[in-house]
Amino acid sequence: MHELIFTLHKKDKDALGDVRCMDGLKVAVDEDRIWLRGLYDTAAVDKAILQLPVQHSFYIDENNLLFSPGNLTPAAILPSLEWVPVAEFVNIKIPVAALPGQLGQQATIRIIASSKTKNGDALLTTLQQWKDYAASAPAIRLAPLQFAVSQNNNVLIIGYPLPAIPGKELWMADHILLPNGYDFEIPMATAFINEKLNAEGDAVLLFDTDGSFEKIGLVFFAKAKRSAVRLTQVIVE
C-alpha cells in the first residue's frame, strides 16, 4: 500500500478538527500550506477525510517522491518538515464551567446553522404550556418523558415522542443539547466539551446558538407523571 499525502490551505486549519481523533494522522506546516499524512491507499477512506478541503493529493514512495494520482512521473519531493499529531496541532479551547447551572457561560467553539435534519430529543417550553398539556395528556404519552424546571419558569422536556406544544426543539449528542437546525462548527467537538464541562456524565449541557450554555444535573429531572407536573409550582417574578 502507498501512503497518501494531502495539502490544505493554512486558512483551512480548523477543518482538521474533524479528524483530530483518527489514529496515525500527522500534520506539518511550511510557508505556504498544511501537509497531512498517515493515510494509506485503501478503499475504506473515512468520510471525514473525504470532506476535508484538500488542495492537492499525492502518493509518496520510499524516496520521498510525490506522485499525483494516475501519474508515473514524480510531481515534487516532500520537503523536510516537522510532523506532529493532528490532536496537538488543532487547538480547541473550551472554558471550564465555574459553577454548575450557572447561566451566561460562553464556549469558544462556534455554533452554526446546519443543513442536516435531526430528530427532536428535547423541548424547551414554558411551565404553563407543560402544565396545560400534562393535565389532559394520556399517561402513555407522559411515561417516556422527563422534565426539569428552571427558576424563570422554563421547562426542559426530554424523551420521545415529544409533546406537540409550542417551544424550542433540540437534539442531543453525548449529553449535549443544541437547537434543531444548528451544530458545532467542528462537529466532533462534543467529545472535548464533555471532557471539560461534564466529565462525570451526570448532567445535560444545554447550548444556545450564541455559544452560551447551562449545565443541568440529571438529579434535577423528574419523571413526567401527571401529579409531579401538577404539583410543580409556578414562580411569580
Protein backbone atom coordinates (compact mmCIF):
# COMPACT_ATOMS: atom_id res chain seq x y z
CA MET A 1 0.00 0.00 0.00
CA HIS A 2 1.13 3.53 -0.73
CA GLU A 3 0.94 6.34 1.77
CA LEU A 4 -1.19 9.33 0.82
CA ILE A 5 -0.11 12.93 1.34
CA PHE A 6 -2.60 15.82 1.31
CA THR A 7 -2.06 19.56 1.34
CA LEU A 8 -4.51 22.18 2.62
CA HIS A 9 -4.55 25.96 2.69
CA LYS A 10 -3.46 27.40 6.03
CA LYS A 11 -6.81 29.14 6.34
CA ASP A 12 -8.45 25.69 6.49
CA LYS A 13 -6.65 24.65 9.68
CA ASP A 14 -9.89 24.39 11.66
CA ALA A 15 -11.20 21.74 9.27
CA LEU A 16 -8.67 19.32 10.75
CA GLY A 17 -10.71 19.31 13.94
CA ASP A 18 -12.96 16.71 12.29
CA VAL A 19 -10.07 14.21 12.01
CA ARG A 20 -8.09 15.02 15.15
CA CYS A 21 -9.04 11.71 16.83
CA MET A 22 -8.04 9.47 13.91
CA ASP A 23 -5.05 7.26 14.74
CA GLY A 24 -1.80 7.79 12.85
CA LEU A 25 -2.59 11.15 11.25
CA LYS A 26 0.17 13.77 11.40
CA VAL A 27 0.49 17.30 10.10
CA ALA A 28 3.28 19.70 9.26
CA VAL A 29 3.39 23.29 8.06
CA ASP A 30 5.63 25.12 5.64
CA GLU A 31 5.45 28.71 4.40
CA ASP A 32 2.59 28.05 2.01
CA ARG A 33 0.43 25.16 3.22
CA ILE A 34 -0.51 22.46 5.69
CA TRP A 35 0.63 18.90 4.97
CA LEU A 36 -1.30 15.85 6.18
CA ARG A 37 -0.03 12.27 6.18
CA GLY A 38 -0.75 8.89 7.79
CA LEU A 39 -3.37 7.50 5.40
CA TYR A 40 -2.86 4.62 3.01
CA ASP A 41 -4.30 3.69 -0.35
CA THR A 42 -7.31 1.70 0.78
CA ALA A 43 -10.92 1.65 -0.33
CA ALA A 44 -12.14 2.42 3.19
CA VAL A 45 -11.15 6.09 3.46
CA ASP A 46 -13.01 7.72 6.34
CA LYS A 47 -15.84 10.08 5.33
CA ALA A 48 -14.31 12.85 7.44
CA ILE A 49 -11.16 12.69 5.29
CA LEU A 50 -13.17 12.92 2.09
CA GLN A 51 -14.84 16.10 3.37
CA LEU A 52 -11.57 17.93 4.05
CA PRO A 53 -10.90 20.97 1.80
CA VAL A 54 -7.86 19.29 0.23
CA GLN A 55 -5.75 21.45 -2.07
CA HIS A 56 -3.60 18.67 -3.58
CA SER A 57 -3.22 14.93 -3.02
CA PHE A 58 -0.17 12.76 -3.70
CA TYR A 59 1.24 9.29 -3.30
CA ILE A 60 4.68 9.11 -1.73
CA ASP A 61 7.36 6.49 -2.40
CA GLU A 62 10.31 5.29 -0.32
CA ASN A 63 12.46 8.13 -1.69
CA ASN A 64 10.02 10.84 -0.57
CA LEU A 65 8.99 11.48 -4.17
CA LEU A 66 5.44 12.75 -4.58
CA PHE A 67 3.22 11.47 -7.39
CA SER A 68 -0.10 12.90 -8.44
CA PRO A 69 -2.79 10.17 -8.68
CA GLY A 70 -2.60 8.41 -12.06
CA ASN A 71 0.86 9.79 -12.95
CA LEU A 72 4.09 7.81 -13.06
CA THR A 73 6.30 10.90 -13.12
CA PRO A 74 7.01 12.49 -9.74
CA ALA A 75 5.49 15.91 -9.26
CA ALA A 76 7.72 17.01 -6.38
CA ILE A 77 9.85 15.90 -3.46
CA LEU A 78 8.42 16.01 0.04
CA PRO A 79 10.27 18.79 1.88
CA SER A 80 11.88 18.21 5.24
CA LEU A 81 9.16 19.04 7.76
CA GLU A 82 8.45 18.70 11.47
CA TRP A 83 5.47 16.34 11.85
CA VAL A 84 3.13 16.36 14.87
CA PRO A 85 -0.12 14.52 15.64
CA VAL A 86 -3.24 16.31 14.44
CA ALA A 87 -4.57 16.48 18.01
CA GLU A 88 -1.57 18.60 19.04
CA PHE A 89 -1.83 20.83 16.00
CA VAL A 90 -5.53 21.66 16.27
CA ASN A 91 -6.10 23.54 19.50
CA ILE A 92 -9.72 23.60 20.60
CA LYS A 93 -10.11 25.70 23.73
CA ILE A 94 -13.16 25.42 25.98
CA PRO A 95 -13.53 27.20 29.30
CA VAL A 96 -14.24 25.06 32.35
CA ALA A 97 -17.60 25.84 33.96
CA ALA A 98 -17.18 27.91 37.12
CA LEU A 99 -20.39 26.77 38.80
CA PRO A 100 -22.85 24.00 37.80
CA GLY A 101 -26.02 25.52 36.44
CA GLN A 102 -24.54 28.98 36.00
CA LEU A 103 -26.08 30.89 33.12
CA GLY A 104 -24.27 33.10 30.66
CA GLN A 105 -21.13 30.99 30.30
CA GLN A 106 -19.60 31.15 26.84
CA ALA A 107 -17.84 28.42 24.87
CA THR A 108 -15.26 29.48 22.29
CA ILE A 109 -16.43 26.89 19.76
CA ARG A 110 -18.92 28.45 17.36
CA ILE A 111 -22.41 27.12 16.76
CA ILE A 112 -23.57 27.47 13.16
CA ALA A 113 -26.68 26.73 11.10
CA SER A 114 -26.73 23.18 9.78
CA SER A 115 -28.47 21.73 6.72
CA LYS A 116 -28.83 18.34 8.42
CA THR A 117 -32.18 17.49 9.97
CA LYS A 118 -32.02 15.87 13.41
CA ASN A 119 -34.67 14.02 15.35
CA GLY A 120 -36.06 16.05 18.23
CA ASP A 121 -34.74 14.71 21.56
CA ALA A 122 -35.87 17.52 23.86
CA LEU A 123 -38.17 20.51 24.04
CA LEU A 124 -37.70 23.82 25.84
CA THR A 125 -41.07 25.35 26.70
CA THR A 126 -42.84 27.26 29.46
CA LEU A 127 -44.09 25.71 32.67
CA GLN A 128 -47.65 26.82 31.91
CA GLN A 129 -47.61 25.17 28.47
CA TRP A 130 -46.29 21.98 30.07
CA LYS A 131 -48.93 22.04 32.82
CA ASP A 132 -51.74 22.58 30.31
CA TYR A 133 -50.55 19.67 28.23
CA ALA A 134 -49.98 17.25 31.13
CA ALA A 135 -53.40 17.97 32.62
CA SER A 136 -55.14 16.07 29.83
CA ALA A 137 -52.40 14.03 28.11
CA PRO A 138 -52.76 10.22 28.29
CA ALA A 139 -50.42 8.58 30.81
CA ILE A 140 -48.87 6.58 27.98
CA ARG A 141 -47.69 9.84 26.36
CA LEU A 142 -46.17 11.12 29.61
CA ALA A 143 -44.43 7.88 30.62
CA PRO A 144 -41.39 8.20 28.25
CA LEU A 145 -40.71 11.81 29.29
CA GLN A 146 -38.62 13.52 31.97
CA PHE A 147 -38.61 17.20 32.82
CA ALA A 148 -36.65 19.83 34.74
CA VAL A 149 -37.88 23.30 35.67
CA SER A 150 -35.80 26.48 35.87
CA GLN A 151 -36.26 29.46 38.17
CA ASN A 152 -37.61 31.53 35.29
CA ASN A 153 -40.45 29.05 34.63
CA ASN A 154 -38.89 27.38 31.62
CA VAL A 155 -39.19 23.61 31.34
CA LEU A 156 -36.80 21.24 29.60
CA ILE A 157 -38.55 18.04 28.49
CA ILE A 158 -36.51 15.05 27.33
CA GLY A 159 -37.87 11.88 25.72
CA TYR A 160 -39.72 10.53 22.72
CA PRO A 161 -42.20 11.28 21.36
CA LEU A 162 -42.10 14.89 22.47
CA PRO A 163 -45.37 16.66 23.26
CA ALA A 164 -46.89 18.72 20.46
CA ILE A 165 -46.80 22.05 22.27
CA PRO A 166 -45.11 25.39 21.48
CA GLY A 167 -41.41 25.55 22.30
CA LYS A 168 -37.86 25.20 21.01
CA GLU A 169 -36.98 21.71 19.78
CA LEU A 170 -33.48 20.43 20.50
CA TRP A 171 -31.34 17.45 19.52
CA MET A 172 -28.88 15.60 21.72
CA ALA A 173 -25.38 14.20 21.22
CA ASP A 174 -23.33 12.90 24.15
CA HIS A 175 -25.37 14.71 26.83
CA ILE A 176 -25.21 17.94 24.83
CA LEU A 177 -28.40 19.63 23.63
CA LEU A 178 -28.38 22.01 20.65
CA PRO A 179 -31.27 23.83 18.96
CA ASN A 180 -32.57 21.90 15.96
CA GLY A 181 -31.05 23.24 12.75
CA TYR A 182 -27.73 24.08 14.43
CA ASP A 183 -24.48 22.23 15.10
CA PHE A 184 -21.00 22.96 16.37
CA GLU A 185 -18.72 24.42 13.69
CA ILE A 186 -16.48 21.42 14.44
CA PRO A 187 -18.96 18.52 14.79
CA MET A 188 -16.52 16.31 16.70
CA ALA A 189 -16.23 18.96 19.41
CA THR A 190 -18.86 17.23 21.57
CA ALA A 191 -16.29 14.79 22.98
CA PHE A 192 -13.98 17.61 24.08
CA ILE A 193 -16.79 19.72 25.52
CA ASN A 194 -17.94 16.81 27.65
CA GLU A 195 -14.39 16.14 28.78
CA LYS A 196 -14.05 19.71 30.05
CA LEU A 197 -17.57 20.51 31.23
CA ASN A 198 -19.27 17.21 32.02
CA ALA A 199 -16.54 14.67 32.72
CA GLU A 200 -18.73 12.71 35.16
CA GLY A 201 -21.60 12.47 32.68
CA ASP A 202 -24.01 13.50 35.44
CA ALA A 203 -25.55 16.49 33.68
CA VAL A 204 -27.04 17.76 30.45
CA LEU A 205 -25.37 20.72 28.73
CA LEU A 206 -27.97 22.97 27.12
CA PHE A 207 -26.39 25.24 24.48
CA ASP A 208 -27.89 28.28 22.80
CA THR A 209 -26.93 29.50 19.32
CA ASP A 210 -24.63 32.21 20.72
CA GLY A 211 -22.45 29.62 22.49
CA SER A 212 -23.85 30.27 25.98
CA PHE A 213 -24.80 27.16 27.92
CA GLU A 214 -26.45 25.88 31.05
CA LYS A 215 -25.38 22.76 32.94
CA ILE A 216 -28.36 20.87 34.35
CA GLY A 217 -27.70 17.99 36.72
CA LEU A 218 -29.54 14.77 35.94
CA VAL A 219 -30.76 14.70 39.54
CA PHE A 220 -33.00 17.68 38.76
CA PHE A 221 -35.05 15.74 36.20
CA ALA A 222 -38.33 14.17 37.32
CA LYS A 223 -40.43 11.53 35.62
CA ALA A 224 -43.36 13.10 33.81
CA LYS A 225 -46.20 11.86 35.98
CA ARG A 226 -49.35 13.95 35.94
CA SER A 227 -49.14 14.54 39.69
CA ALA A 228 -45.50 15.65 39.50
CA VAL A 229 -46.30 18.20 36.80
CA ARG A 230 -49.40 19.43 38.62
CA LEU A 231 -47.52 19.96 41.89
CA THR A 232 -44.68 21.89 40.26
CA GLN A 233 -45.03 25.47 41.47
CA VAL A 234 -45.20 28.42 39.08
CA ILE A 235 -42.74 31.06 40.27
CA VAL A 236 -44.13 34.59 40.02
CA GLU A 237 -41.44 37.15 39.24
